[in-house]
């Protein structure tokens, strides 16, 4: 990480960082079967009522932790993308933690104490 990037992060200056070291999805070696994905989805559905009970802010969604997709045409234009629609996942607005941690970290570490 460059000093310029560190400085902007410390100052809270808005920026866009693209991970140039990111590999191709096709190169990933993730031994997960479709059945395991379906089981994980069912586990989240089973856990949702408890999440709604433990976290009042999740009551309106029945305990489902999700965030909006926000269309960003100006960002796509600035990046030179001329085709298609482009979206950003609004995880900054997730209920409970206000971050992607609400999707995994809080249920995994916080709710298990209630089970």
N, C-alpha and C. Protein backbone atom coordinates (compact mmCIF):
# COMPACT_ATOMS: atom_id res chain seq x y z
N UNK A 1 0.86 -1.17 0.00
CA UNK A 1 0.00 0.00 0.00
C UNK A 1 0.91 1.24 0.00
N UNK A 2 0.60 2.15 -0.89
CA UNK A 2 1.43 3.35 -1.01
C UNK A 2 1.14 4.33 0.12
N UNK A 3 2.09 5.21 0.38
CA UNK A 3 1.90 6.23 1.41
C UNK A 3 0.75 7.17 1.04
N UNK A 4 0.61 7.46 -0.25
CA UNK A 4 -0.48 8.33 -0.70
C UNK A 4 -1.83 7.70 -0.36
N UNK A 5 -1.96 6.41 -0.61
CA UNK A 5 -3.20 5.71 -0.30
C UNK A 5 -3.44 5.69 1.20
N UNK A 6 -2.41 5.40 1.98
CA UNK A 6 -2.54 5.40 3.44
C UNK A 6 -2.99 6.76 3.95
N UNK A 7 -2.40 7.81 3.38
CA UNK A 7 -2.74 9.17 3.80
C UNK A 7 -4.21 9.48 3.50
N UNK A 8 -4.68 9.09 2.33
CA UNK A 8 -6.08 9.34 1.97
C UNK A 8 -7.02 8.55 2.86
N UNK A 9 -6.65 7.32 3.19
CA UNK A 9 -7.48 6.51 4.08
C UNK A 9 -7.57 7.14 5.47
N UNK A 10 -6.42 7.56 5.99
CA UNK A 10 -6.39 8.19 7.32
C UNK A 10 -7.22 9.47 7.36
N UNK A 11 -7.19 10.21 6.26
CA UNK A 11 -7.92 11.49 6.19
C UNK A 11 -9.41 11.29 5.91
N UNK A 12 -9.79 10.07 5.59
CA UNK A 12 -11.19 9.81 5.28
C UNK A 12 -11.60 10.36 3.93
N UNK A 13 -10.64 10.55 3.05
CA UNK A 13 -10.91 11.06 1.72
C UNK A 13 -11.53 9.96 0.85
N UNK A 14 -12.66 10.24 0.21
CA UNK A 14 -13.24 9.22 -0.67
C UNK A 14 -12.26 8.82 -1.77
N UNK A 15 -12.21 7.53 -2.04
CA UNK A 15 -11.33 7.05 -3.09
C UNK A 15 -11.84 5.73 -3.63
N UNK A 16 -11.32 5.34 -4.76
CA UNK A 16 -11.64 4.04 -5.32
C UNK A 16 -10.34 3.28 -5.49
N UNK A 17 -10.28 2.08 -4.93
CA UNK A 17 -9.10 1.24 -5.02
C UNK A 17 -9.47 -0.02 -5.76
N UNK A 18 -8.71 -0.38 -6.77
CA UNK A 18 -8.94 -1.61 -7.52
C UNK A 18 -7.80 -2.56 -7.22
N UNK A 19 -8.14 -3.76 -6.78
CA UNK A 19 -7.14 -4.77 -6.44
C UNK A 19 -6.54 -5.33 -7.72
N UNK A 20 -5.36 -4.88 -8.07
CA UNK A 20 -4.71 -5.33 -9.30
C UNK A 20 -4.11 -6.72 -9.14
N UNK A 21 -4.01 -7.23 -7.91
CA UNK A 21 -3.45 -8.56 -7.68
C UNK A 21 -4.53 -9.64 -7.67
N UNK A 22 -5.77 -9.25 -7.88
CA UNK A 22 -6.86 -10.21 -7.84
C UNK A 22 -6.75 -11.19 -9.00
N UNK A 23 -6.89 -12.46 -8.70
CA UNK A 23 -6.81 -13.49 -9.73
C UNK A 23 -8.16 -13.74 -10.38
N UNK A 24 -8.16 -14.59 -11.35
CA UNK A 24 -9.37 -14.96 -12.06
C UNK A 24 -10.21 -15.92 -11.23
N UNK A 25 -11.51 -15.77 -11.30
CA UNK A 25 -12.41 -16.67 -10.59
C UNK A 25 -12.21 -18.10 -11.08
N UNK A 26 -11.93 -18.25 -12.36
CA UNK A 26 -11.75 -19.59 -12.91
C UNK A 26 -10.51 -20.28 -12.35
N UNK A 27 -9.58 -19.51 -11.77
CA UNK A 27 -8.39 -20.10 -11.17
C UNK A 27 -8.61 -20.55 -9.73
N UNK A 28 -9.74 -20.18 -9.15
CA UNK A 28 -10.00 -20.52 -7.76
C UNK A 28 -10.23 -22.03 -7.62
N UNK A 29 -9.70 -22.57 -6.54
CA UNK A 29 -9.88 -23.99 -6.26
C UNK A 29 -10.69 -24.09 -4.97
N UNK A 30 -12.00 -23.99 -5.10
CA UNK A 30 -12.88 -24.01 -3.94
C UNK A 30 -13.74 -25.27 -4.02
N UNK A 31 -13.43 -26.25 -3.20
CA UNK A 31 -14.18 -27.51 -3.27
C UNK A 31 -15.53 -27.43 -2.53
N UNK A 32 -16.48 -26.71 -3.10
CA UNK A 32 -17.80 -26.57 -2.50
C UNK A 32 -18.82 -27.12 -3.50
N UNK A 33 -19.64 -28.02 -3.04
CA UNK A 33 -20.64 -28.62 -3.92
C UNK A 33 -21.93 -27.81 -3.90
N UNK A 34 -22.75 -27.96 -4.93
CA UNK A 34 -24.06 -27.30 -4.92
C UNK A 34 -24.89 -27.70 -3.70
N UNK A 35 -24.78 -28.92 -3.26
CA UNK A 35 -25.53 -29.37 -2.07
C UNK A 35 -25.09 -28.60 -0.83
N UNK A 36 -23.79 -28.31 -0.72
CA UNK A 36 -23.29 -27.54 0.43
C UNK A 36 -23.81 -26.11 0.38
N UNK A 37 -23.90 -25.54 -0.79
CA UNK A 37 -24.44 -24.19 -0.94
C UNK A 37 -25.91 -24.18 -0.53
N UNK A 38 -26.66 -25.17 -0.98
CA UNK A 38 -28.08 -25.26 -0.61
C UNK A 38 -28.25 -25.44 0.89
N UNK A 39 -27.38 -26.24 1.50
CA UNK A 39 -27.45 -26.44 2.95
C UNK A 39 -27.16 -25.14 3.69
N UNK A 40 -26.17 -24.39 3.22
CA UNK A 40 -25.84 -23.11 3.85
C UNK A 40 -27.01 -22.13 3.73
N UNK A 41 -27.64 -22.10 2.56
CA UNK A 41 -28.81 -21.23 2.38
C UNK A 41 -29.92 -21.61 3.34
N UNK A 42 -30.16 -22.90 3.51
CA UNK A 42 -31.20 -23.35 4.42
C UNK A 42 -30.85 -23.00 5.87
N UNK A 43 -29.57 -23.11 6.22
CA UNK A 43 -29.14 -22.74 7.57
C UNK A 43 -29.43 -21.27 7.85
N UNK A 44 -29.19 -20.38 6.87
CA UNK A 44 -29.50 -18.96 7.04
C UNK A 44 -31.00 -18.76 7.20
N UNK A 45 -31.81 -19.48 6.40
CA UNK A 45 -33.27 -19.35 6.53
C UNK A 45 -33.73 -19.82 7.91
N UNK A 46 -33.12 -20.89 8.40
CA UNK A 46 -33.48 -21.40 9.73
C UNK A 46 -33.09 -20.43 10.84
N UNK A 47 -31.99 -19.72 10.64
CA UNK A 47 -31.47 -18.80 11.65
C UNK A 47 -32.20 -17.45 11.65
N UNK A 48 -32.84 -17.10 10.54
CA UNK A 48 -33.45 -15.78 10.39
C UNK A 48 -34.42 -15.41 11.52
N UNK A 49 -35.32 -16.30 11.95
CA UNK A 49 -36.23 -15.90 13.03
C UNK A 49 -35.49 -15.54 14.33
N UNK A 50 -34.43 -16.26 14.63
CA UNK A 50 -33.65 -15.95 15.83
C UNK A 50 -32.95 -14.60 15.68
N UNK A 51 -32.41 -14.33 14.50
CA UNK A 51 -31.77 -13.03 14.26
C UNK A 51 -32.77 -11.90 14.45
N UNK A 52 -33.99 -12.09 13.95
CA UNK A 52 -35.02 -11.05 14.11
C UNK A 52 -35.36 -10.84 15.58
N UNK A 53 -35.33 -11.90 16.36
CA UNK A 53 -35.63 -11.79 17.78
C UNK A 53 -34.49 -11.12 18.54
N UNK A 54 -33.27 -11.43 18.17
CA UNK A 54 -32.10 -10.88 18.88
C UNK A 54 -31.78 -9.45 18.47
N UNK A 55 -32.09 -9.09 17.24
CA UNK A 55 -31.75 -7.77 16.71
C UNK A 55 -33.02 -7.11 16.18
N UNK A 56 -33.62 -6.19 16.96
CA UNK A 56 -34.88 -5.55 16.55
C UNK A 56 -34.82 -4.90 15.17
N UNK A 57 -33.64 -4.42 14.77
CA UNK A 57 -33.54 -3.78 13.47
C UNK A 57 -33.74 -4.77 12.31
N UNK A 58 -33.71 -6.07 12.62
CA UNK A 58 -33.95 -7.08 11.59
C UNK A 58 -35.39 -7.57 11.57
N UNK A 59 -36.22 -7.09 12.49
CA UNK A 59 -37.63 -7.51 12.51
C UNK A 59 -38.34 -7.24 11.18
N UNK A 60 -38.16 -6.05 10.57
CA UNK A 60 -38.89 -5.79 9.31
C UNK A 60 -38.57 -6.78 8.19
N UNK A 61 -37.38 -7.37 8.22
CA UNK A 61 -37.00 -8.31 7.16
C UNK A 61 -37.14 -9.76 7.61
N UNK A 62 -37.69 -9.97 8.80
CA UNK A 62 -37.84 -11.34 9.29
C UNK A 62 -36.51 -11.99 9.62
N UNK A 63 -35.50 -11.17 9.90
CA UNK A 63 -34.19 -11.70 10.27
C UNK A 63 -33.24 -11.87 9.10
N UNK A 64 -33.67 -11.49 7.92
CA UNK A 64 -32.81 -11.61 6.74
C UNK A 64 -31.85 -10.42 6.71
N UNK A 65 -30.56 -10.70 6.61
CA UNK A 65 -29.54 -9.65 6.53
C UNK A 65 -29.23 -9.44 5.05
N UNK A 66 -29.63 -8.29 4.52
CA UNK A 66 -29.35 -8.02 3.11
C UNK A 66 -29.19 -6.52 2.91
N UNK A 67 -28.60 -6.18 1.78
CA UNK A 67 -28.42 -4.77 1.45
C UNK A 67 -28.82 -4.55 0.00
N UNK A 68 -29.13 -3.30 -0.30
CA UNK A 68 -29.57 -2.93 -1.65
C UNK A 68 -28.44 -2.98 -2.65
N UNK A 69 -28.83 -3.10 -3.91
CA UNK A 69 -27.92 -2.85 -5.02
C UNK A 69 -28.25 -1.46 -5.54
N UNK A 70 -27.24 -0.60 -5.62
CA UNK A 70 -27.44 0.77 -6.06
C UNK A 70 -26.79 0.93 -7.44
N UNK A 71 -27.58 1.35 -8.41
CA UNK A 71 -27.03 1.54 -9.75
C UNK A 71 -26.10 2.76 -9.74
N UNK A 72 -24.94 2.63 -10.39
CA UNK A 72 -23.93 3.69 -10.39
C UNK A 72 -23.51 4.03 -11.83
N UNK A 73 -24.39 4.66 -12.59
CA UNK A 73 -24.04 4.95 -13.98
C UNK A 73 -22.88 5.92 -14.13
N UNK A 74 -22.76 6.88 -13.20
CA UNK A 74 -21.65 7.84 -13.31
C UNK A 74 -20.31 7.17 -13.03
N UNK A 75 -20.28 6.22 -12.10
CA UNK A 75 -19.04 5.49 -11.84
C UNK A 75 -18.67 4.66 -13.06
N UNK A 76 -19.63 3.97 -13.64
CA UNK A 76 -19.37 3.17 -14.84
C UNK A 76 -18.82 4.04 -15.96
N UNK A 77 -19.42 5.22 -16.13
CA UNK A 77 -18.96 6.15 -17.16
C UNK A 77 -17.54 6.61 -16.87
N UNK A 78 -17.25 6.94 -15.61
CA UNK A 78 -15.91 7.40 -15.24
C UNK A 78 -14.86 6.32 -15.47
N UNK A 79 -15.26 5.06 -15.34
CA UNK A 79 -14.33 3.95 -15.55
C UNK A 79 -14.25 3.53 -17.02
N UNK A 80 -15.06 4.16 -17.85
CA UNK A 80 -15.02 3.87 -19.28
C UNK A 80 -15.86 2.69 -19.71
N UNK A 81 -16.78 2.24 -18.85
CA UNK A 81 -17.67 1.14 -19.23
C UNK A 81 -18.86 1.72 -19.98
N UNK A 82 -19.01 1.34 -21.23
CA UNK A 82 -20.06 1.93 -22.06
C UNK A 82 -21.28 1.03 -22.18
N UNK A 83 -21.16 -0.24 -21.84
CA UNK A 83 -22.28 -1.16 -22.01
C UNK A 83 -22.71 -1.73 -20.67
N UNK A 84 -23.97 -2.10 -20.60
CA UNK A 84 -24.49 -2.76 -19.42
C UNK A 84 -24.85 -1.79 -18.31
N UNK A 85 -25.37 -2.37 -17.24
CA UNK A 85 -25.72 -1.61 -16.04
C UNK A 85 -24.75 -2.02 -14.94
N UNK A 86 -24.36 -1.07 -14.11
CA UNK A 86 -23.37 -1.32 -13.08
C UNK A 86 -23.93 -0.94 -11.72
N UNK A 87 -23.65 -1.79 -10.73
CA UNK A 87 -24.23 -1.62 -9.40
C UNK A 87 -23.16 -1.74 -8.33
N UNK A 88 -23.44 -1.15 -7.18
CA UNK A 88 -22.61 -1.29 -5.98
C UNK A 88 -23.51 -1.89 -4.91
N UNK A 89 -22.99 -2.87 -4.19
CA UNK A 89 -23.74 -3.48 -3.08
C UNK A 89 -23.60 -2.54 -1.89
N UNK A 90 -24.71 -2.10 -1.33
CA UNK A 90 -24.73 -1.09 -0.27
C UNK A 90 -24.54 -1.71 1.11
N UNK A 91 -23.45 -2.45 1.29
CA UNK A 91 -23.20 -3.09 2.57
C UNK A 91 -22.93 -2.10 3.69
N UNK A 92 -22.62 -0.84 3.34
CA UNK A 92 -22.43 0.18 4.37
C UNK A 92 -23.71 0.43 5.15
N UNK A 93 -24.85 0.05 4.57
CA UNK A 93 -26.14 0.29 5.21
C UNK A 93 -26.75 -0.98 5.81
N UNK A 94 -25.95 -2.03 5.94
CA UNK A 94 -26.48 -3.27 6.51
C UNK A 94 -26.96 -3.04 7.94
N UNK A 95 -28.10 -3.63 8.29
CA UNK A 95 -28.57 -3.51 9.67
C UNK A 95 -27.64 -4.23 10.63
N UNK A 96 -27.71 -3.92 11.86
CA UNK A 96 -26.96 -4.50 12.97
C UNK A 96 -25.57 -3.88 13.08
N UNK A 97 -24.70 -4.07 12.09
CA UNK A 97 -23.33 -3.58 12.21
C UNK A 97 -23.00 -2.46 11.24
N UNK A 98 -23.81 -2.27 10.21
CA UNK A 98 -23.50 -1.25 9.23
C UNK A 98 -22.31 -1.59 8.37
N UNK A 99 -22.02 -2.87 8.25
CA UNK A 99 -20.90 -3.30 7.42
C UNK A 99 -21.13 -4.75 7.01
N UNK A 100 -20.24 -5.23 6.17
CA UNK A 100 -20.33 -6.62 5.71
C UNK A 100 -20.20 -7.60 6.87
N UNK A 101 -19.67 -7.14 8.01
CA UNK A 101 -19.57 -8.00 9.19
C UNK A 101 -20.94 -8.50 9.62
N UNK A 102 -21.97 -7.71 9.33
CA UNK A 102 -23.33 -8.13 9.71
C UNK A 102 -23.75 -9.37 8.96
N UNK A 103 -23.18 -9.59 7.79
CA UNK A 103 -23.55 -10.74 6.98
C UNK A 103 -22.95 -12.03 7.52
N UNK A 104 -21.79 -11.97 8.14
CA UNK A 104 -21.16 -13.19 8.61
C UNK A 104 -20.65 -13.14 10.02
N UNK A 105 -19.92 -12.09 10.35
CA UNK A 105 -19.27 -12.03 11.65
C UNK A 105 -20.21 -11.97 12.83
N UNK A 106 -21.20 -11.13 12.76
CA UNK A 106 -22.11 -11.00 13.91
C UNK A 106 -22.92 -12.26 14.11
N UNK A 107 -23.57 -12.81 13.07
CA UNK A 107 -24.30 -14.05 13.32
C UNK A 107 -23.39 -15.18 13.81
N UNK A 108 -22.21 -15.28 13.23
CA UNK A 108 -21.33 -16.38 13.59
C UNK A 108 -20.85 -16.28 15.03
N UNK A 109 -20.53 -15.06 15.48
CA UNK A 109 -19.94 -14.91 16.80
C UNK A 109 -20.92 -14.42 17.86
N UNK A 110 -21.87 -13.59 17.47
CA UNK A 110 -22.78 -13.02 18.45
C UNK A 110 -23.99 -13.88 18.74
N UNK A 111 -24.63 -14.38 17.72
CA UNK A 111 -25.88 -15.09 17.92
C UNK A 111 -25.65 -16.48 18.49
N UNK A 112 -24.52 -17.08 18.20
CA UNK A 112 -24.26 -18.42 18.73
C UNK A 112 -24.32 -18.44 20.24
N UNK A 113 -24.06 -17.31 20.87
CA UNK A 113 -24.13 -17.25 22.33
C UNK A 113 -25.55 -17.48 22.82
N UNK A 114 -26.55 -17.18 21.97
CA UNK A 114 -27.94 -17.35 22.36
C UNK A 114 -28.47 -18.75 22.09
N UNK A 115 -27.77 -19.51 21.27
CA UNK A 115 -28.26 -20.83 20.86
C UNK A 115 -27.94 -21.88 21.91
